[in-house]
C-alpha atoms as a PDB file:
ATOM      1  CA  UNK A   1      81.164 -78.403-113.485  1.00  0.00           C
ATOM      2  CA  UNK A   2      80.327 -78.479-109.756  1.00  0.00           C
ATOM      3  CA  UNK A   3      79.759 -74.771-109.085  1.00  0.00           C
ATOM      4  CA  UNK A   4      79.437 -75.359-105.260  1.00  0.00           C
ATOM      5  CA  UNK A   5      82.978 -76.837-105.121  1.00  0.00           C
ATOM      6  CA  UNK A   6      84.347 -73.905-107.077  1.00  0.00           C
ATOM      7  CA  UNK A   7      82.576 -71.508-104.753  1.00  0.00           C
ATOM      8  CA  UNK A   8      83.777 -73.185-101.538  1.00  0.00           C
ATOM      9  CA  UNK A   9      87.348 -73.455-102.810  1.00  0.00           C
ATOM     10  CA  UNK A  10      87.534 -69.807-103.617  1.00  0.00           C
ATOM     11  CA  UNK A  11      85.919 -68.853-100.310  1.00  0.00           C
ATOM     12  CA  UNK A  12      88.436 -71.027 -98.364  1.00  0.00           C
ATOM     13  CA  UNK A  13      91.341 -69.012-100.001  1.00  0.00           C
ATOM     14  CA  UNK A  14      89.792 -65.732 -98.993  1.00  0.00           C
ATOM     15  CA  UNK A  15      88.005 -64.953-102.273  1.00  0.00           C
ATOM     16  CA  UNK A  16      84.738 -65.956-103.826  1.00  0.00           C
ATOM     17  CA  UNK A  17      83.509 -66.416-107.322  1.00  0.00           C
ATOM     18  CA  UNK A  18      80.454 -64.324-107.971  1.00  0.00           C
ATOM     19  CA  UNK A  19      77.426 -66.404-108.930  1.00  0.00           C
ATOM     20  CA  UNK A  20      75.588 -64.371-111.503  1.00  0.00           C
ATOM     21  CA  UNK A  21      72.033 -65.194-112.447  1.00  0.00           C
ATOM     22  CA  UNK A  22      70.164 -63.353-115.182  1.00  0.00           C
ATOM     23  CA  UNK A  23      66.414 -63.289-115.459  1.00  0.00           C
ATOM     24  CA  UNK A  24      65.783 -62.226-119.054  1.00  0.00           C
ATOM     25  CA  UNK A  25      62.884 -59.774-119.156  1.00  0.00           C
ATOM     26  CA  UNK A  26      61.596 -58.237-122.339  1.00  0.00           C
ATOM     27  CA  UNK A  27      59.024 -55.611-123.230  1.00  0.00           C
ATOM     28  CA  UNK A  28      55.441 -56.675-122.453  1.00  0.00           C
ATOM     29  CA  UNK A  29      56.823 -59.264-120.014  1.00  0.00           C
ATOM     30  CA  UNK A  30      54.746 -61.391-117.646  1.00  0.00           C
ATOM     31  CA  UNK A  31      55.361 -60.128-114.141  1.00  0.00           C
ATOM     32  CA  UNK A  32      54.835 -63.509-112.477  1.00  0.00           C
ATOM     33  CA  UNK A  33      57.574 -65.106-114.526  1.00  0.00           C
ATOM     34  CA  UNK A  34      60.265 -62.571-113.759  1.00  0.00           C
ATOM     35  CA  UNK A  35      59.363 -61.484-110.259  1.00  0.00           C
ATOM     36  CA  UNK A  36      58.591 -64.901-108.724  1.00  0.00           C
ATOM     37  CA  UNK A  37      61.925 -66.236-109.996  1.00  0.00           C
ATOM     38  CA  UNK A  38      63.784 -63.104-108.851  1.00  0.00           C
ATOM     39  CA  UNK A  39      62.182 -63.198-105.379  1.00  0.00           C
ATOM     40  CA  UNK A  40      62.862 -66.886-104.713  1.00  0.00           C
ATOM     41  CA  UNK A  41      66.399 -66.761-106.082  1.00  0.00           C
ATOM     42  CA  UNK A  42      67.206 -63.800-103.838  1.00  0.00           C
ATOM     43  CA  UNK A  43      66.400 -65.905-100.781  1.00  0.00           C
ATOM     44  CA  UNK A  44      69.962 -67.202-101.100  1.00  0.00           C
ATOM     45  CA  UNK A  45      72.001 -64.917 -98.889  1.00  0.00           C
ATOM     46  CA  UNK A  46      75.592 -65.583 -99.752  1.00  0.00           C
ATOM     47  CA  UNK A  47      78.528 -63.348-100.684  1.00  0.00           C
ATOM     48  CA  UNK A  48      78.726 -63.040-104.483  1.00  0.00           C
ATOM     49  CA  UNK A  49      75.204 -64.367-105.153  1.00  0.00           C
ATOM     50  CA  UNK A  50      73.764 -61.824-107.615  1.00  0.00           C
ATOM     51  CA  UNK A  51      70.372 -62.074-109.395  1.00  0.00           C
ATOM     52  CA  UNK A  52      69.551 -59.439-111.974  1.00  0.00           C
ATOM     53  CA  UNK A  53      66.762 -58.467-114.316  1.00  0.00           C
ATOM     54  CA  UNK A  54      68.491 -58.447-117.724  1.00  0.00           C
ATOM     55  CA  UNK A  55      66.892 -56.627-120.606  1.00  0.00           C
ATOM     56  CA  UNK A  56      67.741 -55.298-124.087  1.00  0.00           C
ATOM     57  CA  UNK A  57      66.870 -51.748-123.014  1.00  0.00           C
ATOM     58  CA  UNK A  58      67.287 -49.697-119.849  1.00  0.00           C
ATOM     59  CA  UNK A  59      63.629 -50.069-118.989  1.00  0.00           C
ATOM     60  CA  UNK A  60      60.964 -52.567-119.978  1.00  0.00           C
ATOM     61  CA  UNK A  61      57.193 -52.388-119.381  1.00  0.00           C
ATOM     62  CA  UNK A  62      55.119 -55.420-118.398  1.00  0.00           C
ATOM     63  CA  UNK A  63      51.953 -56.681-120.068  1.00  0.00           C
ATOM     64  CA  UNK A  64      50.038 -54.923-117.295  1.00  0.00           C
ATOM     65  CA  UNK A  65      51.894 -51.594-117.523  1.00  0.00           C
ATOM     66  CA  UNK A  66      54.538 -52.010-114.803  1.00  0.00           C
ATOM     67  CA  UNK A  67      57.813 -50.406-115.866  1.00  0.00           C
ATOM     68  CA  UNK A  68      61.056 -51.693-114.354  1.00  0.00           C
ATOM     69  CA  UNK A  69      64.727 -50.642-114.713  1.00  0.00           C
ATOM     70  CA  UNK A  70      67.057 -53.340-115.997  1.00  0.00           C
ATOM     71  CA  UNK A  71      69.814 -54.288-113.709  1.00  0.00           C
ATOM     72  CA  UNK A  72      71.932 -55.875-116.433  1.00  0.00           C
ATOM     73  CA  UNK A  73      72.099 -56.112-120.225  1.00  0.00           C
ATOM     74  CA  UNK A  74      71.459 -59.095-122.456  1.00  0.00           C
ATOM     75  CA  UNK A  75      75.198 -59.322-123.148  1.00  0.00           C
ATOM     76  CA  UNK A  76      75.755 -59.708-119.345  1.00  0.00           C
ATOM     77  CA  UNK A  77      73.740 -62.892-119.512  1.00  0.00           C
ATOM     78  CA  UNK A  78      76.458 -64.464-121.724  1.00  0.00           C
ATOM     79  CA  UNK A  79      78.782 -64.601-118.715  1.00  0.00           C
ATOM     80  CA  UNK A  80      76.136 -65.526-116.139  1.00  0.00           C
ATOM     81  CA  UNK A  81      76.232 -68.878-114.352  1.00  0.00           C
ATOM     82  CA  UNK A  82      72.522 -69.232-114.891  1.00  0.00           C
ATOM     83  CA  UNK A  83      70.069 -67.665-117.308  1.00  0.00           C
ATOM     84  CA  UNK A  84      66.238 -67.778-117.098  1.00  0.00           C
ATOM     85  CA  UNK A  85      63.888 -66.732-119.894  1.00  0.00           C
ATOM     86  CA  UNK A  86      60.536 -65.345-118.837  1.00  0.00           C
ATOM     87  CA  UNK A  87      57.523 -64.945-121.160  1.00  0.00           C
ATOM     88  CA  UNK A  88      55.429 -62.089-122.412  1.00  0.00           C
ATOM     89  CA  UNK A  89      52.941 -60.770-124.946  1.00  0.00           C
ATOM     90  CA  UNK A  90      55.664 -59.970-127.507  1.00  0.00           C
ATOM     91  CA  UNK A  91      57.777 -63.095-127.139  1.00  0.00           C
ATOM     92  CA  UNK A  92      57.216 -64.390-130.715  1.00  0.00           C
ATOM     93  CA  UNK A  93      58.016 -61.053-132.190  1.00  0.00           C
ATOM     94  CA  UNK A  94      61.176 -60.677-130.085  1.00  0.00           C
ATOM     95  CA  UNK A  95      62.250 -64.230-130.711  1.00  0.00           C
ATOM     96  CA  UNK A  96      62.344 -63.466-134.431  1.00  0.00           C
ATOM     97  CA  UNK A  97      64.238 -60.139-133.994  1.00  0.00           C
ATOM     98  CA  UNK A  98      67.901 -60.792-134.777  1.00  0.00           C
ATOM     99  CA  UNK A  99      68.967 -57.454-133.309  1.00  0.00           C
ATOM    100  CA  UNK A 100      67.825 -58.647-129.959  1.00  0.00           C
ATOM    101  CA  UNK A 101      68.432 -62.381-129.990  1.00  0.00           C
ATOM    102  CA  UNK A 102      71.762 -61.932-131.719  1.00  0.00           C
ATOM    103  CA  UNK A 103      73.045 -60.442-128.467  1.00  0.00           C
ATOM    104  CA  UNK A 104      72.645 -63.772-126.726  1.00  0.00           C
ATOM    105  CA  UNK A 105      75.652 -66.177-126.915  1.00  0.00           C
ATOM    106  CA  UNK A 106      74.670 -68.782-124.441  1.00  0.00           C
ATOM    107  CA  UNK A 107      76.382 -72.123-123.823  1.00  0.00           C
ATOM    108  CA  UNK A 108      74.638 -74.957-121.871  1.00  0.00           C
ATOM    109  CA  UNK A 109      77.976 -76.681-121.457  1.00  0.00           C
ATOM    110  CA  UNK A 110      78.996 -73.904-119.034  1.00  0.00           C
ATOM    111  CA  UNK A 111      75.664 -72.337-118.009  1.00  0.00           C
ATOM    112  CA  UNK A 112      72.386 -73.360-116.487  1.00  0.00           C
ATOM    113  CA  UNK A 113      69.629 -72.257-118.905  1.00  0.00           C
ATOM    114  CA  UNK A 114      65.964 -72.299-118.161  1.00  0.00           C
ATOM    115  CA  UNK A 115      62.782 -70.952-119.726  1.00  0.00           C
ATOM    116  CA  UNK A 116      59.054 -70.931-119.019  1.00  0.00           C
ATOM    117  CA  UNK A 117      55.974 -70.568-121.157  1.00  0.00           C
ATOM    118  CA  UNK A 118      56.709 -68.583-124.361  1.00  0.00           C
ATOM    119  CA  UNK A 119      60.335 -68.278-123.169  1.00  0.00           C
ATOM    120  CA  UNK A 120      60.679 -71.906-124.342  1.00  0.00           C
ATOM    121  CA  UNK A 121      60.038 -70.710-127.798  1.00  0.00           C
ATOM    122  CA  UNK A 122      63.079 -68.471-127.473  1.00  0.00           C
ATOM    123  CA  UNK A 123      65.232 -71.394-126.476  1.00  0.00           C
ATOM    124  CA  UNK A 124      64.082 -73.229-129.584  1.00  0.00           C
ATOM    125  CA  UNK A 125      64.949 -70.280-131.771  1.00  0.00           C
ATOM    126  CA  UNK A 126      68.378 -70.176-130.231  1.00  0.00           C
ATOM    127  CA  UNK A 127      68.887 -73.869-131.021  1.00  0.00           C
ATOM    128  CA  UNK A 128      69.234 -74.730-127.310  1.00  0.00           C
ATOM    129  CA  UNK A 129      66.595 -77.503-127.272  1.00  0.00           C
ATOM    130  CA  UNK A 130      67.591 -79.581-130.253  1.00  0.00           C
ATOM    131  CA  UNK A 131      65.905 -83.015-129.681  1.00  0.00           C
ATOM    132  CA  UNK A 132      65.130 -82.318-126.011  1.00  0.00           C
ATOM    133  CA  UNK A 133      61.373 -82.290-125.098  1.00  0.00           C
ATOM    134  CA  UNK A 134      60.155 -79.213-123.299  1.00  0.00           C
ATOM    135  CA  UNK A 135      57.414 -77.620-121.229  1.00  0.00           C
ATOM    136  CA  UNK A 136      55.510 -74.478-122.127  1.00  0.00           C
ATOM    137  CA  UNK A 137      52.065 -72.881-121.591  1.00  0.00           C
ATOM    138  CA  UNK A 138      48.983 -73.791-123.578  1.00  0.00           C
ATOM    139  CA  UNK A 139      49.003 -70.653-125.745  1.00  0.00           C
ATOM    140  CA  UNK A 140      52.685 -71.069-126.719  1.00  0.00           C
ATOM    141  CA  UNK A 141      52.440 -74.821-127.302  1.00  0.00           C
ATOM    142  CA  UNK A 142      51.724 -74.528-131.107  1.00  0.00           C
ATOM    143  CA  UNK A 143      54.684 -72.210-131.683  1.00  0.00           C
ATOM    144  CA  UNK A 144      57.031 -74.522-129.875  1.00  0.00           C
ATOM    145  CA  UNK A 145      55.721 -77.552-131.695  1.00  0.00           C
ATOM    146  CA  UNK A 146      56.077 -75.695-135.054  1.00  0.00           C
ATOM    147  CA  UNK A 147      59.764 -75.183-134.141  1.00  0.00           C
ATOM    148  CA  UNK A 148      60.069 -78.969-134.064  1.00  0.00           C
ATOM    149  CA  UNK A 149      60.106 -79.445-130.214  1.00  0.00           C
ATOM    150  CA  UNK A 150      58.079 -82.123-128.493  1.00  0.00           C
ATOM    151  CA  UNK A 151      55.920 -80.486-125.803  1.00  0.00           C
ATOM    152  CA  UNK A 152      55.295 -82.342-122.570  1.00  0.00           C
ATOM    153  CA  UNK A 153      52.096 -82.180-120.603  1.00  0.00           C
ATOM    154  CA  UNK A 154      53.822 -81.394-117.261  1.00  0.00           C
ATOM    155  CA  UNK A 155      55.026 -78.329-115.322  1.00  0.00           C
ATOM    156  CA  UNK A 156      58.752 -78.914-115.344  1.00  0.00           C
ATOM    157  CA  UNK A 157      61.415 -80.840-117.240  1.00  0.00           C
ATOM    158  CA  UNK A 158      65.195 -80.658-117.344  1.00  0.00           C
ATOM    159  CA  UNK A 159      67.950 -82.426-119.140  1.00  0.00           C
ATOM    160  CA  UNK A 160      71.486 -81.685-118.197  1.00  0.00           C
ATOM    161  CA  UNK A 161      71.903 -77.914-117.906  1.00  0.00           C
ATOM    162  CA  UNK A 162      68.668 -76.970-119.743  1.00  0.00           C
ATOM    163  CA  UNK A 163      65.256 -76.783-118.023  1.00  0.00           C
ATOM    164  CA  UNK A 164      61.829 -75.613-119.170  1.00  0.00           C
ATOM    165  CA  UNK A 165      58.542 -75.038-117.304  1.00  0.00           C
ATOM    166  CA  UNK A 166      54.956 -74.430-118.183  1.00  0.00           C
ATOM    167  CA  UNK A 167      52.520 -72.015-116.554  1.00  0.00           C
ATOM    168  CA  UNK A 168      53.113 -68.658-114.797  1.00  0.00           C
ATOM    169  CA  UNK A 169      53.517 -70.133-111.339  1.00  0.00           C
ATOM    170  CA  UNK A 170      56.014 -72.732-112.557  1.00  0.00           C
ATOM    171  CA  UNK A 171      58.601 -69.984-112.098  1.00  0.00           C
ATOM    172  CA  UNK A 172      59.054 -71.444-108.645  1.00  0.00           C
ATOM    173  CA  UNK A 173      60.330 -74.675-110.179  1.00  0.00           C
ATOM    174  CA  UNK A 174      62.932 -72.966-112.356  1.00  0.00           C
ATOM    175  CA  UNK A 175      64.149 -71.009-109.324  1.00  0.00           C
ATOM    176  CA  UNK A 176      64.251 -74.097-107.164  1.00  0.00           C
ATOM    177  CA  UNK A 177      66.181 -75.999-109.837  1.00  0.00           C
ATOM    178  CA  UNK A 178      68.744 -73.254-110.136  1.00  0.00           C
ATOM    179  CA  UNK A 179      69.345 -73.006-106.438  1.00  0.00           C
ATOM    180  CA  UNK A 180      69.538 -76.772-106.052  1.00  0.00           C
ATOM    181  CA  UNK A 181      72.101 -77.002-108.871  1.00  0.00           C
ATOM    182  CA  UNK A 182      74.229 -74.137-107.578  1.00  0.00           C
ATOM    183  CA  UNK A 183      73.837 -74.346-103.828  1.00  0.00           C
ATOM    184  CA  UNK A 184      72.305 -77.766-103.077  1.00  0.00           C
ATOM    185  CA  UNK A 185      68.902 -79.210-102.340  1.00  0.00           C
ATOM    186  CA  UNK A 186      68.706 -77.873 -98.779  1.00  0.00           C
ATOM    187  CA  UNK A 187      69.277 -74.329 -99.934  1.00  0.00           C
ATOM    188  CA  UNK A 188      66.482 -74.778-102.477  1.00  0.00           C
ATOM    189  CA  UNK A 189      64.192 -76.264 -99.825  1.00  0.00           C
ATOM    190  CA  UNK A 190      64.863 -73.287 -97.454  1.00  0.00           C
ATOM    191  CA  UNK A 191      64.121 -70.748-100.185  1.00  0.00           C
ATOM    192  CA  UNK A 192      60.929 -72.373-101.203  1.00  0.00           C
ATOM    193  CA  UNK A 193      59.811 -72.869 -97.586  1.00  0.00           C
ATOM    194  CA  UNK A 194      60.245 -69.185 -96.913  1.00  0.00           C
ATOM    195  CA  UNK A 195      57.832 -68.104 -99.699  1.00  0.00           C
ATOM    196  CA  UNK A 196      55.329 -70.924 -99.163  1.00  0.00           C
ATOM    197  CA  UNK A 197      51.880 -70.066 -97.678  1.00  0.00           C
ATOM    198  CA  UNK A 198      51.534 -70.279 -93.898  1.00  0.00           C
ATOM    199  CA  UNK A 199      49.864 -73.530 -92.908  1.00  0.00           C
ATOM    200  CA  UNK A 200      50.977 -75.191 -96.146  1.00  0.00           C
ATOM    201  CA  UNK A 201      54.703 -74.723 -95.947  1.00  0.00           C
ATOM    202  CA  UNK A 202      55.789 -78.385 -95.619  1.00  0.00           C
ATOM    203  CA  UNK A 203      53.339 -79.675 -98.224  1.00  0.00           C
ATOM    204  CA  UNK A 204      54.049 -76.823-100.637  1.00  0.00           C
ATOM    205  CA  UNK A 205      57.814 -77.116-100.232  1.00  0.00           C
ATOM    206  CA  UNK A 206      58.072 -80.814-100.640  1.00  0.00           C
ATOM    207  CA  UNK A 207      55.809 -80.720-103.724  1.00  0.00           C
ATOM    208  CA  UNK A 208      58.113 -78.173-105.272  1.00  0.00           C
ATOM    209  CA  UNK A 209      61.228 -80.119-104.443  1.00  0.00           C
ATOM    210  CA  UNK A 210      59.693 -83.256-105.845  1.00  0.00           C
ATOM    211  CA  UNK A 211      59.095 -81.536-109.181  1.00  0.00           C
ATOM    212  CA  UNK A 212      62.810 -80.836-109.698  1.00  0.00           C
ATOM    213  CA  UNK A 213      64.648 -83.510-107.686  1.00  0.00           C
ATOM    214  CA  UNK A 214      64.429 -86.162-110.365  1.00  0.00           C
ATOM    215  CA  UNK A 215      66.181 -83.888-112.823  1.00  0.00           C
ATOM    216  CA  UNK A 216      69.118 -82.855-110.668  1.00  0.00           C
ATOM    217  CA  UNK A 217      72.512 -83.838-111.967  1.00  0.00           C
END
C-alpha cells in the first residue's frame, strides 16, 4: 500500500486519513529510544499526522525514574499505520508476559513495524521476524539469537514493512525510515536535518538517509 497516495487522494476530496504512529513504551523504558523517535517523527507537520506514546498502563516510569503519561493504549497500536518498539530494563520479562503481549495484534502486511535493541526480542516473540535477520544491541543479542533470529552487526536493517535497529541512538534511523515510507525521502531528510547538530547538519543528515535508503520499498 502507498500511504502517501491514500493521504493525497483523501486530502484532495476535502478529507484526510489520519496517520497514526505508536511508539510502544513499557515500564523501565529507555528514554532515548522512545523520546528520540517521538521527537523526530513529530517534525512532520501535516493534518492527521499523530505520534503517540502507547503503553499498557496509564503511566510508565523509565529506567532512570522519569514517569510519563501514555497517550494511547497497546490496543490502539493495532490500528496504527506504524508501530515502533523501544527497549528497556524489563523487556525480557514483559516479552514473556501474555497479559501484555496478548494485547498486540499487529500485521506487517498493513503496518510498518520497527524495533530497536531489546525491542527486537519482542518482535521475535510475536513471530514478526520469522527468517528475517535483525539488528539489536549487544546486551540483547543473546536473547534474540536464542529466539532463532540471525543478528546483524549493523545499526539498521529492514525487509518489507519490518525494520530493526541496534543501539540507543539508532532511534533516528527507525524514525527516518517511517517518515520516508509514509511521507517520502525529502520529508525524512527535512526532519533529520532539523535535529542534526549545527555545523554537522549536512553530513549528519546524509549519513542517516544513507542508512535507510537502501531498504525503502
